[in-house]
Amino acid sequence: MAKISMQLLNSEHKSWLEIDRSLKKVNGKNIPFGKYMQDKYAFKEKDLDNEPDTNMAMLIIIKNHVEEFK
């Protein structure tokens, strides 16, 4: 199972939010954050593909995939 750092998760979330805001300004449609992360990092987490709520997707990723690297 893929692992990422909390810093990387925060960076990805910030980037996704910027894309999401830009697309909304031009009436575009973005994919949910969970699906975005699932596609990018291959977490093999079925719940992420179908999770429309960004906060819930973040919690799933933190719980199952965030690891503090030293």
N, C-alpha and C. Protein backbone atom coordinates (compact mmCIF):
# COMPACT_ATOMS: atom_id res chain seq x y z
N MET A 1 0.84 -1.18 0.00
CA MET A 1 0.00 0.00 0.00
C MET A 1 0.89 1.25 0.00
N ALA A 2 0.58 2.18 -0.85
CA ALA A 2 1.38 3.38 -0.99
C ALA A 2 1.31 4.25 0.27
N LYS A 3 2.44 4.86 0.61
CA LYS A 3 2.52 5.76 1.75
C LYS A 3 3.05 7.12 1.28
N ILE A 4 2.51 8.17 1.85
CA ILE A 4 2.99 9.52 1.56
C ILE A 4 3.14 10.26 2.88
N SER A 5 3.84 11.39 2.85
CA SER A 5 4.00 12.21 4.05
C SER A 5 2.84 13.18 4.18
N MET A 6 2.66 13.70 5.37
CA MET A 6 1.62 14.69 5.61
C MET A 6 1.89 15.96 4.80
N GLN A 7 3.16 16.31 4.66
CA GLN A 7 3.53 17.49 3.87
C GLN A 7 3.12 17.32 2.41
N LEU A 8 3.34 16.12 1.87
CA LEU A 8 2.96 15.87 0.48
C LEU A 8 1.44 15.91 0.33
N LEU A 9 0.72 15.34 1.28
CA LEU A 9 -0.74 15.38 1.23
C LEU A 9 -1.24 16.82 1.24
N ASN A 10 -0.70 17.63 2.12
CA ASN A 10 -1.11 19.04 2.18
C ASN A 10 -0.80 19.77 0.88
N SER A 11 0.35 19.49 0.30
CA SER A 11 0.73 20.11 -0.97
C SER A 11 -0.21 19.69 -2.09
N GLU A 12 -0.53 18.41 -2.15
CA GLU A 12 -1.45 17.91 -3.18
C GLU A 12 -2.85 18.52 -2.99
N HIS A 13 -3.28 18.64 -1.76
CA HIS A 13 -4.60 19.22 -1.49
C HIS A 13 -4.65 20.67 -1.94
N LYS A 14 -3.60 21.41 -1.65
CA LYS A 14 -3.53 22.81 -2.06
C LYS A 14 -3.56 22.93 -3.59
N SER A 15 -2.80 22.09 -4.27
CA SER A 15 -2.77 22.11 -5.74
C SER A 15 -4.13 21.77 -6.31
N TRP A 16 -4.77 20.74 -5.74
CA TRP A 16 -6.10 20.33 -6.21
C TRP A 16 -7.11 21.45 -6.01
N LEU A 17 -7.05 22.14 -4.86
CA LEU A 17 -7.97 23.25 -4.60
C LEU A 17 -7.82 24.37 -5.63
N GLU A 18 -6.57 24.67 -6.00
CA GLU A 18 -6.33 25.71 -7.01
C GLU A 18 -6.93 25.31 -8.36
N ILE A 19 -6.74 24.05 -8.74
CA ILE A 19 -7.31 23.56 -9.99
C ILE A 19 -8.84 23.62 -9.91
N ASP A 20 -9.38 23.18 -8.79
CA ASP A 20 -10.84 23.15 -8.60
C ASP A 20 -11.43 24.56 -8.71
N ARG A 21 -10.81 25.53 -8.05
CA ARG A 21 -11.30 26.92 -8.11
C ARG A 21 -11.23 27.46 -9.54
N SER A 22 -10.13 27.19 -10.23
CA SER A 22 -9.98 27.67 -11.61
C SER A 22 -11.04 27.08 -12.53
N LEU A 23 -11.29 25.79 -12.37
CA LEU A 23 -12.30 25.15 -13.21
C LEU A 23 -13.70 25.67 -12.91
N LYS A 24 -13.99 25.93 -11.64
CA LYS A 24 -15.31 26.46 -11.28
C LYS A 24 -15.55 27.84 -11.87
N LYS A 25 -14.48 28.65 -12.02
CA LYS A 25 -14.62 29.99 -12.60
C LYS A 25 -15.07 29.94 -14.05
N VAL A 26 -14.71 28.86 -14.74
CA VAL A 26 -15.07 28.75 -16.16
C VAL A 26 -16.13 27.66 -16.37
N ASN A 27 -16.85 27.35 -15.30
CA ASN A 27 -17.92 26.34 -15.33
C ASN A 27 -17.41 24.96 -15.73
N GLY A 28 -16.15 24.68 -15.39
CA GLY A 28 -15.58 23.36 -15.65
C GLY A 28 -15.89 22.41 -14.50
N LYS A 29 -15.60 21.15 -14.71
CA LYS A 29 -15.89 20.15 -13.69
C LYS A 29 -14.59 19.43 -13.34
N ASN A 30 -14.29 19.37 -12.08
CA ASN A 30 -13.10 18.69 -11.58
C ASN A 30 -13.49 17.33 -11.01
N ILE A 31 -12.53 16.43 -10.92
CA ILE A 31 -12.80 15.15 -10.27
C ILE A 31 -12.64 15.33 -8.76
N PRO A 32 -13.33 14.53 -7.96
CA PRO A 32 -13.20 14.65 -6.50
C PRO A 32 -11.76 14.39 -6.05
N PHE A 33 -11.40 14.99 -4.93
CA PHE A 33 -10.04 14.89 -4.41
C PHE A 33 -9.63 13.43 -4.17
N GLY A 34 -10.54 12.63 -3.64
CA GLY A 34 -10.21 11.22 -3.37
C GLY A 34 -9.84 10.47 -4.65
N LYS A 35 -10.61 10.68 -5.70
CA LYS A 35 -10.32 10.03 -6.98
C LYS A 35 -9.01 10.54 -7.56
N TYR A 36 -8.78 11.85 -7.45
CA TYR A 36 -7.53 12.45 -7.92
C TYR A 36 -6.32 11.78 -7.25
N MET A 37 -6.38 11.63 -5.93
CA MET A 37 -5.27 11.02 -5.20
C MET A 37 -5.16 9.53 -5.50
N GLN A 38 -6.27 8.87 -5.63
CA GLN A 38 -6.28 7.44 -5.96
C GLN A 38 -5.61 7.20 -7.32
N ASP A 39 -5.97 8.03 -8.29
CA ASP A 39 -5.38 7.89 -9.63
C ASP A 39 -3.89 8.22 -9.63
N LYS A 40 -3.50 9.22 -8.87
CA LYS A 40 -2.11 9.67 -8.88
C LYS A 40 -1.18 8.75 -8.10
N TYR A 41 -1.63 8.23 -6.97
CA TYR A 41 -0.75 7.46 -6.09
C TYR A 41 -1.12 5.98 -5.98
N ALA A 42 -2.14 5.54 -6.69
CA ALA A 42 -2.54 4.12 -6.69
C ALA A 42 -2.64 3.54 -5.29
N PHE A 43 -3.44 4.19 -4.45
CA PHE A 43 -3.59 3.75 -3.06
C PHE A 43 -4.33 2.41 -2.93
N LYS A 44 -5.02 1.98 -3.96
CA LYS A 44 -5.82 0.74 -3.90
C LYS A 44 -6.85 0.81 -2.79
N GLU A 45 -7.52 1.95 -2.73
CA GLU A 45 -8.51 2.23 -1.69
C GLU A 45 -9.85 2.48 -2.39
N LYS A 46 -10.72 1.47 -2.41
CA LYS A 46 -11.99 1.59 -3.14
C LYS A 46 -12.83 2.77 -2.66
N ASP A 47 -12.78 3.05 -1.38
CA ASP A 47 -13.60 4.14 -0.82
C ASP A 47 -13.24 5.50 -1.42
N LEU A 48 -11.99 5.70 -1.80
CA LEU A 48 -11.57 6.99 -2.34
C LEU A 48 -12.19 7.27 -3.71
N ASP A 49 -12.36 6.24 -4.51
CA ASP A 49 -12.94 6.43 -5.85
C ASP A 49 -14.35 6.99 -5.78
N ASN A 50 -15.07 6.62 -4.75
CA ASN A 50 -16.48 7.00 -4.66
C ASN A 50 -16.77 8.06 -3.59
N GLU A 51 -15.74 8.64 -3.00
CA GLU A 51 -15.94 9.62 -1.92
C GLU A 51 -16.02 11.03 -2.50
N PRO A 52 -17.21 11.65 -2.51
CA PRO A 52 -17.35 12.99 -3.07
C PRO A 52 -16.88 14.10 -2.13
N ASP A 53 -16.79 13.82 -0.84
CA ASP A 53 -16.43 14.83 0.15
C ASP A 53 -14.91 14.90 0.34
N THR A 54 -14.36 16.07 0.10
CA THR A 54 -12.91 16.26 0.21
C THR A 54 -12.40 15.97 1.62
N ASN A 55 -13.12 16.41 2.63
CA ASN A 55 -12.66 16.20 4.01
C ASN A 55 -12.64 14.72 4.38
N MET A 56 -13.64 13.98 3.94
CA MET A 56 -13.66 12.53 4.22
C MET A 56 -12.53 11.83 3.47
N ALA A 57 -12.26 12.26 2.25
CA ALA A 57 -11.16 11.67 1.49
C ALA A 57 -9.83 11.94 2.20
N MET A 58 -9.67 13.15 2.71
CA MET A 58 -8.45 13.48 3.46
C MET A 58 -8.31 12.56 4.68
N LEU A 59 -9.39 12.35 5.41
CA LEU A 59 -9.33 11.49 6.59
C LEU A 59 -8.97 10.05 6.23
N ILE A 60 -9.53 9.53 5.15
CA ILE A 60 -9.20 8.18 4.71
C ILE A 60 -7.72 8.08 4.37
N ILE A 61 -7.22 9.07 3.66
CA ILE A 61 -5.80 9.06 3.26
C ILE A 61 -4.90 9.18 4.49
N ILE A 62 -5.24 10.08 5.41
CA ILE A 62 -4.43 10.24 6.62
C ILE A 62 -4.41 8.94 7.42
N LYS A 63 -5.57 8.34 7.57
CA LYS A 63 -5.67 7.11 8.37
C LYS A 63 -4.88 5.96 7.76
N ASN A 64 -4.96 5.80 6.45
CA ASN A 64 -4.41 4.60 5.82
C ASN A 64 -3.11 4.77 5.04
N HIS A 65 -2.74 6.02 4.73
CA HIS A 65 -1.62 6.19 3.82
C HIS A 65 -0.57 7.23 4.23
N VAL A 66 -0.83 7.98 5.27
CA VAL A 66 0.16 8.99 5.68
C VAL A 66 1.13 8.37 6.68
N GLU A 67 2.39 8.59 6.41
CA GLU A 67 3.44 8.09 7.28
C GLU A 67 4.44 9.22 7.48
N GLU A 68 4.87 9.40 8.70
CA GLU A 68 5.88 10.42 8.98
C GLU A 68 7.26 9.84 8.68
N PHE A 69 7.93 10.43 7.73
CA PHE A 69 9.26 9.99 7.34
C PHE A 69 10.30 10.75 8.15
N LYS A 70 11.36 10.09 8.48
CA LYS A 70 12.41 10.73 9.29
C LYS A 70 13.64 10.97 8.47
